[in-house]
Amino acid sequence: MSEQTIDIEKLGEQIVRVLKTIYDPEIPVDIYELGLIYDVFVNEDCEVKILMTLTSPNCPVAESLPQEVNEKVKSLDQVK
């Protein structure tokens, strides 16, 4: 395994740790354990794409939750 591959894997693990700090306000469970995160993609340039959903179509945090995910993930130094 190359050093770059290891760095991407570590970055993916860091992203998951960050996602586990974000909670759905209606359910006292983090969004990762709740299953709202379907997948996390990190490319060789450390660009991140997260495939996620909300708890319901009328979720009260439909606008703010994706923004919170974006801000917290981008706060990681390696994320572009």
N, C-alpha and C. Protein backbone atom coordinates (compact mmCIF):
# COMPACT_ATOMS: atom_id res chain seq x y z
N MET A 1 0.83 -1.18 0.00
CA MET A 1 0.00 0.00 0.00
C MET A 1 0.88 1.24 0.00
N SER A 2 0.50 2.21 -0.79
CA SER A 2 1.29 3.43 -0.86
C SER A 2 0.95 4.35 0.32
N GLU A 3 1.83 5.31 0.56
CA GLU A 3 1.60 6.28 1.63
C GLU A 3 0.33 7.08 1.36
N GLN A 4 0.08 7.41 0.08
CA GLN A 4 -1.11 8.17 -0.30
C GLN A 4 -2.37 7.38 0.06
N THR A 5 -2.39 6.06 -0.22
CA THR A 5 -3.55 5.24 0.10
C THR A 5 -3.80 5.23 1.60
N ILE A 6 -2.75 5.08 2.36
CA ILE A 6 -2.88 5.07 3.81
C ILE A 6 -3.43 6.40 4.30
N ASP A 7 -2.95 7.51 3.75
CA ASP A 7 -3.45 8.82 4.16
C ASP A 7 -4.94 8.97 3.85
N ILE A 8 -5.38 8.48 2.70
CA ILE A 8 -6.79 8.58 2.33
C ILE A 8 -7.63 7.72 3.27
N GLU A 9 -7.13 6.54 3.61
CA GLU A 9 -7.86 5.69 4.55
C GLU A 9 -7.96 6.35 5.92
N LYS A 10 -6.87 6.94 6.38
CA LYS A 10 -6.89 7.63 7.67
C LYS A 10 -7.84 8.82 7.64
N LEU A 11 -7.84 9.54 6.52
CA LEU A 11 -8.74 10.68 6.39
C LEU A 11 -10.19 10.20 6.45
N GLY A 12 -10.49 9.10 5.79
CA GLY A 12 -11.84 8.53 5.84
C GLY A 12 -12.25 8.20 7.27
N GLU A 13 -11.32 7.65 8.05
CA GLU A 13 -11.59 7.33 9.45
C GLU A 13 -11.83 8.61 10.26
N GLN A 14 -11.06 9.65 9.97
CA GLN A 14 -11.25 10.93 10.66
C GLN A 14 -12.63 11.52 10.35
N ILE A 15 -13.02 11.40 9.09
CA ILE A 15 -14.33 11.92 8.68
C ILE A 15 -15.44 11.19 9.43
N VAL A 16 -15.33 9.88 9.54
CA VAL A 16 -16.35 9.11 10.28
C VAL A 16 -16.39 9.56 11.74
N ARG A 17 -15.23 9.79 12.34
CA ARG A 17 -15.20 10.27 13.73
C ARG A 17 -15.93 11.62 13.86
N VAL A 18 -15.72 12.49 12.88
CA VAL A 18 -16.41 13.80 12.89
C VAL A 18 -17.92 13.60 12.74
N LEU A 19 -18.32 12.72 11.83
CA LEU A 19 -19.74 12.48 11.62
C LEU A 19 -20.41 11.94 12.87
N LYS A 20 -19.66 11.21 13.67
CA LYS A 20 -20.21 10.65 14.91
C LYS A 20 -20.40 11.71 16.00
N THR A 21 -19.98 12.94 15.73
CA THR A 21 -20.19 14.02 16.69
C THR A 21 -21.43 14.85 16.34
N ILE A 22 -22.09 14.51 15.25
CA ILE A 22 -23.27 15.25 14.79
C ILE A 22 -24.50 14.43 15.11
N TYR A 23 -25.42 15.03 15.85
CA TYR A 23 -26.61 14.31 16.31
C TYR A 23 -27.87 14.85 15.66
N ASP A 24 -28.78 13.93 15.38
CA ASP A 24 -30.11 14.32 14.94
C ASP A 24 -30.81 14.91 16.17
N PRO A 25 -31.40 16.09 16.06
CA PRO A 25 -31.98 16.73 17.23
C PRO A 25 -33.20 16.01 17.80
N GLU A 26 -33.85 15.19 16.99
CA GLU A 26 -35.05 14.51 17.46
C GLU A 26 -34.75 13.15 18.09
N ILE A 27 -33.59 12.60 17.77
CA ILE A 27 -33.21 11.27 18.25
C ILE A 27 -31.81 11.40 18.85
N PRO A 28 -31.60 10.96 20.07
CA PRO A 28 -30.28 11.13 20.70
C PRO A 28 -29.23 10.11 20.21
N VAL A 29 -29.09 10.04 18.90
CA VAL A 29 -28.12 9.13 18.27
C VAL A 29 -27.39 9.93 17.19
N ASP A 30 -26.09 9.68 17.03
CA ASP A 30 -25.36 10.42 16.00
C ASP A 30 -25.80 9.96 14.61
N ILE A 31 -25.61 10.83 13.63
CA ILE A 31 -26.13 10.57 12.28
C ILE A 31 -25.45 9.38 11.60
N TYR A 32 -24.22 9.06 12.00
CA TYR A 32 -23.53 7.90 11.42
C TYR A 32 -24.16 6.61 11.94
N GLU A 33 -24.30 6.49 13.24
CA GLU A 33 -24.88 5.28 13.84
C GLU A 33 -26.36 5.15 13.48
N LEU A 34 -27.02 6.27 13.26
CA LEU A 34 -28.43 6.26 12.89
C LEU A 34 -28.64 5.74 11.46
N GLY A 35 -27.57 5.70 10.69
CA GLY A 35 -27.67 5.19 9.32
C GLY A 35 -28.01 6.25 8.29
N LEU A 36 -27.86 7.52 8.67
CA LEU A 36 -28.16 8.60 7.73
C LEU A 36 -27.02 8.81 6.73
N ILE A 37 -25.85 8.28 7.03
CA ILE A 37 -24.71 8.38 6.12
C ILE A 37 -24.62 7.08 5.33
N TYR A 38 -24.85 7.16 4.03
CA TYR A 38 -24.81 5.97 3.19
C TYR A 38 -23.38 5.64 2.77
N ASP A 39 -22.60 6.66 2.45
CA ASP A 39 -21.23 6.40 2.01
C ASP A 39 -20.41 7.68 2.11
N VAL A 40 -19.10 7.48 2.27
CA VAL A 40 -18.15 8.58 2.31
C VAL A 40 -17.10 8.28 1.24
N PHE A 41 -16.95 9.17 0.28
CA PHE A 41 -15.97 9.01 -0.79
C PHE A 41 -14.86 10.03 -0.61
N VAL A 42 -13.62 9.56 -0.67
CA VAL A 42 -12.46 10.45 -0.60
C VAL A 42 -11.58 10.10 -1.79
N ASN A 43 -11.31 11.08 -2.66
CA ASN A 43 -10.47 10.79 -3.81
C ASN A 43 -9.00 11.09 -3.50
N GLU A 44 -8.13 10.84 -4.46
CA GLU A 44 -6.69 11.00 -4.26
C GLU A 44 -6.27 12.45 -3.98
N ASP A 45 -7.15 13.40 -4.29
CA ASP A 45 -6.87 14.81 -4.01
C ASP A 45 -7.47 15.26 -2.68
N CYS A 46 -7.96 14.31 -1.90
CA CYS A 46 -8.59 14.57 -0.60
C CYS A 46 -9.87 15.38 -0.72
N GLU A 47 -10.53 15.27 -1.86
CA GLU A 47 -11.85 15.86 -2.02
C GLU A 47 -12.85 14.84 -1.50
N VAL A 48 -13.86 15.31 -0.79
CA VAL A 48 -14.79 14.42 -0.10
C VAL A 48 -16.20 14.60 -0.64
N LYS A 49 -16.88 13.47 -0.80
CA LYS A 49 -18.29 13.48 -1.15
C LYS A 49 -18.99 12.55 -0.17
N ILE A 50 -20.06 13.03 0.45
CA ILE A 50 -20.80 12.24 1.42
C ILE A 50 -22.22 12.05 0.91
N LEU A 51 -22.62 10.79 0.84
CA LEU A 51 -23.98 10.45 0.43
C LEU A 51 -24.78 10.21 1.71
N MET A 52 -25.79 11.04 1.91
CA MET A 52 -26.56 10.96 3.16
C MET A 52 -28.04 11.20 2.90
N THR A 53 -28.83 10.92 3.91
CA THR A 53 -30.26 11.17 3.86
C THR A 53 -30.68 11.85 5.15
N LEU A 54 -31.95 12.15 5.27
CA LEU A 54 -32.52 12.74 6.48
C LEU A 54 -33.47 11.73 7.10
N THR A 55 -33.86 11.96 8.35
CA THR A 55 -34.76 11.01 9.02
C THR A 55 -36.15 10.98 8.40
N SER A 56 -36.60 12.10 7.84
CA SER A 56 -37.91 12.15 7.19
C SER A 56 -37.93 13.30 6.19
N PRO A 57 -38.86 13.26 5.24
CA PRO A 57 -38.96 14.36 4.28
C PRO A 57 -39.23 15.71 4.93
N ASN A 58 -39.89 15.70 6.08
CA ASN A 58 -40.22 16.94 6.79
C ASN A 58 -39.27 17.20 7.94
N CYS A 59 -38.08 16.68 7.85
CA CYS A 59 -37.08 16.82 8.91
C CYS A 59 -36.85 18.31 9.21
N PRO A 60 -36.95 18.70 10.48
CA PRO A 60 -36.80 20.12 10.82
C PRO A 60 -35.39 20.67 10.58
N VAL A 61 -34.41 19.80 10.42
CA VAL A 61 -33.04 20.26 10.17
C VAL A 61 -32.60 19.95 8.74
N ALA A 62 -33.58 19.87 7.84
CA ALA A 62 -33.28 19.51 6.45
C ALA A 62 -32.27 20.46 5.80
N GLU A 63 -32.29 21.71 6.18
CA GLU A 63 -31.34 22.67 5.62
C GLU A 63 -30.06 22.75 6.44
N SER A 64 -30.18 22.69 7.74
CA SER A 64 -29.01 22.91 8.59
C SER A 64 -28.13 21.68 8.78
N LEU A 65 -28.69 20.48 8.74
CA LEU A 65 -27.90 19.27 8.98
C LEU A 65 -26.85 19.05 7.89
N PRO A 66 -27.20 19.10 6.61
CA PRO A 66 -26.16 18.95 5.58
C PRO A 66 -25.09 20.05 5.68
N GLN A 67 -25.49 21.25 6.04
CA GLN A 67 -24.54 22.35 6.20
C GLN A 67 -23.59 22.06 7.36
N GLU A 68 -24.13 21.53 8.46
CA GLU A 68 -23.29 21.19 9.61
C GLU A 68 -22.28 20.10 9.24
N VAL A 69 -22.75 19.09 8.49
CA VAL A 69 -21.85 18.03 8.03
C VAL A 69 -20.75 18.64 7.18
N ASN A 70 -21.11 19.49 6.24
CA ASN A 70 -20.14 20.13 5.35
C ASN A 70 -19.10 20.93 6.14
N GLU A 71 -19.56 21.75 7.05
CA GLU A 71 -18.65 22.60 7.83
C GLU A 71 -17.70 21.78 8.70
N LYS A 72 -18.23 20.76 9.37
CA LYS A 72 -17.39 19.97 10.27
C LYS A 72 -16.37 19.13 9.50
N VAL A 73 -16.78 18.56 8.38
CA VAL A 73 -15.85 17.76 7.58
C VAL A 73 -14.78 18.66 6.97
N LYS A 74 -15.17 19.82 6.47
CA LYS A 74 -14.19 20.74 5.89
C LYS A 74 -13.23 21.33 6.93
N SER A 75 -13.58 21.22 8.20
CA SER A 75 -12.68 21.71 9.25
C SER A 75 -11.45 20.82 9.41
N LEU A 76 -11.49 19.62 8.86
CA LEU A 76 -10.32 18.74 8.89
C LEU A 76 -9.26 19.30 7.95
N ASP A 77 -8.02 19.35 8.40
CA ASP A 77 -6.94 19.98 7.64
C ASP A 77 -6.75 19.41 6.24
N GLN A 78 -6.88 18.10 6.07
CA GLN A 78 -6.58 17.48 4.79
C GLN A 78 -7.71 17.61 3.76
N VAL A 79 -8.90 17.91 4.20
CA VAL A 79 -10.05 17.96 3.30
C VAL A 79 -10.00 19.22 2.46
N LYS A 80 -10.24 19.02 1.17
CA LYS A 80 -10.27 20.16 0.23
C LYS A 80 -11.69 20.53 -0.09
